[in-house]
Amino acid sequence: MKNKNGICPLCGKENNCAMATGADPHSCWCMSLKVPEELLDRIPKEIRGKACVCKECVEKYLNEK
């Protein structure tokens, strides 16, 4: 997912996305952690595919299951 501003669309905090910083996308934390589709569905439709969820939101979601 491409995110120009590096902000998580769910919590508004920094998402630490490698792509947002211009780093190699393969170095991003999300390459080693699967982001559940159910969580991605929570992203507002107008920014889906344009914003990355942060690791903390992914971990919180997984711990709630």
C-alpha atoms as a PDB file:
ATOM      1  CA  MET A   1       0.000   0.000   0.000  1.00  0.00           C
ATOM      2  CA  LYS A   2       1.307   3.428  -0.813  1.00  0.00           C
ATOM      3  CA  ASN A   3       1.049   6.116   1.835  1.00  0.00           C
ATOM      4  CA  LYS A   4       2.453   9.544   1.051  1.00  0.00           C
ATOM      5  CA  ASN A   5       2.162  11.017   4.540  1.00  0.00           C
ATOM      6  CA  GLY A   6       3.116   8.075   6.761  1.00  0.00           C
ATOM      7  CA  ILE A   7       0.016   8.381   8.950  1.00  0.00           C
ATOM      8  CA  CYS A   8      -2.161   5.432   9.974  1.00  0.00           C
ATOM      9  CA  PRO A   9      -5.725   5.999   8.730  1.00  0.00           C
ATOM     10  CA  LEU A  10      -7.159   4.234  11.783  1.00  0.00           C
ATOM     11  CA  CYS A  11      -5.387   5.864  14.728  1.00  0.00           C
ATOM     12  CA  GLY A  12      -3.707   8.910  13.170  1.00  0.00           C
ATOM     13  CA  LYS A  13      -0.238   8.026  14.460  1.00  0.00           C
ATOM     14  CA  GLU A  14       2.949   7.498  12.434  1.00  0.00           C
ATOM     15  CA  ASN A  15       2.787   4.159  10.651  1.00  0.00           C
ATOM     16  CA  ASN A  16       6.556   3.812  10.158  1.00  0.00           C
ATOM     17  CA  CYS A  17       5.994   2.772   6.560  1.00  0.00           C
ATOM     18  CA  ALA A  18       9.234   2.287   4.622  1.00  0.00           C
ATOM     19  CA  MET A  19       7.553   3.511   1.440  1.00  0.00           C
ATOM     20  CA  ALA A  20       6.511   6.754   3.128  1.00  0.00           C
ATOM     21  CA  THR A  21      10.128   7.471   4.033  1.00  0.00           C
ATOM     22  CA  GLY A  22      11.462   6.502   0.613  1.00  0.00           C
ATOM     23  CA  ALA A  23      13.172   3.368   1.922  1.00  0.00           C
ATOM     24  CA  ASP A  24      13.111   0.009   0.174  1.00  0.00           C
ATOM     25  CA  PRO A  25       9.517  -1.310   0.485  1.00  0.00           C
ATOM     26  CA  HIS A  26      10.885  -4.777   1.232  1.00  0.00           C
ATOM     27  CA  SER A  27      12.465  -3.418   4.411  1.00  0.00           C
ATOM     28  CA  CYS A  28       9.061  -2.413   5.808  1.00  0.00           C
ATOM     29  CA  TRP A  29       7.712  -4.054   8.963  1.00  0.00           C
ATOM     30  CA  CYS A  30       4.565  -5.024   7.053  1.00  0.00           C
ATOM     31  CA  MET A  31       6.547  -7.470   4.923  1.00  0.00           C
ATOM     32  CA  SER A  32       6.958  -9.720   7.965  1.00  0.00           C
ATOM     33  CA  LEU A  33       3.480  -9.277   9.453  1.00  0.00           C
ATOM     34  CA  LYS A  34       0.246 -10.115   7.653  1.00  0.00           C
ATOM     35  CA  VAL A  35      -2.309  -7.321   7.839  1.00  0.00           C
ATOM     36  CA  PRO A  36      -5.764  -8.947   8.173  1.00  0.00           C
ATOM     37  CA  GLU A  37      -8.289  -8.083   5.451  1.00  0.00           C
ATOM     38  CA  GLU A  38     -10.884  -7.356   8.159  1.00  0.00           C
ATOM     39  CA  LEU A  39      -8.633  -4.612   9.490  1.00  0.00           C
ATOM     40  CA  LEU A  40      -7.970  -3.183   6.028  1.00  0.00           C
ATOM     41  CA  ASP A  41     -11.744  -3.022   5.533  1.00  0.00           C
ATOM     42  CA  ARG A  42     -11.852  -0.449   8.368  1.00  0.00           C
ATOM     43  CA  ILE A  43      -9.898   2.057   6.274  1.00  0.00           C
ATOM     44  CA  PRO A  44     -12.255   4.721   4.862  1.00  0.00           C
ATOM     45  CA  LYS A  45     -13.104   3.903   1.244  1.00  0.00           C
ATOM     46  CA  GLU A  46     -11.704   7.157  -0.131  1.00  0.00           C
ATOM     47  CA  ILE A  47      -8.180   6.314   1.064  1.00  0.00           C
ATOM     48  CA  ARG A  48      -8.096   2.514   0.686  1.00  0.00           C
ATOM     49  CA  GLY A  49      -5.026   1.477  -1.216  1.00  0.00           C
ATOM     50  CA  LYS A  50      -3.436   4.853  -0.441  1.00  0.00           C
ATOM     51  CA  ALA A  51      -2.767   4.635   3.300  1.00  0.00           C
ATOM     52  CA  CYS A  52      -0.995   2.066   5.465  1.00  0.00           C
ATOM     53  CA  VAL A  53      -2.229   0.842   8.828  1.00  0.00           C
ATOM     54  CA  CYS A  54       0.411   1.038  11.580  1.00  0.00           C
ATOM     55  CA  LYS A  55       1.962  -1.978  13.271  1.00  0.00           C
ATOM     56  CA  GLU A  56       0.353  -1.052  16.594  1.00  0.00           C
ATOM     57  CA  CYS A  57      -3.154  -1.156  15.076  1.00  0.00           C
ATOM     58  CA  VAL A  58      -2.404  -4.537  13.507  1.00  0.00           C
ATOM     59  CA  GLU A  59      -1.096  -5.938  16.785  1.00  0.00           C
ATOM     60  CA  LYS A  60      -4.041  -4.516  18.737  1.00  0.00           C
ATOM     61  CA  TYR A  61      -6.480  -6.058  16.262  1.00  0.00           C
ATOM     62  CA  LEU A  62      -4.759  -9.459  16.444  1.00  0.00           C
ATOM     63  CA  ASN A  63      -4.747  -9.383  20.274  1.00  0.00           C
ATOM     64  CA  GLU A  64      -8.482  -8.611  20.358  1.00  0.00           C
ATOM     65  CA  LYS A  65      -9.350 -11.704  18.331  1.00  0.00           C
END
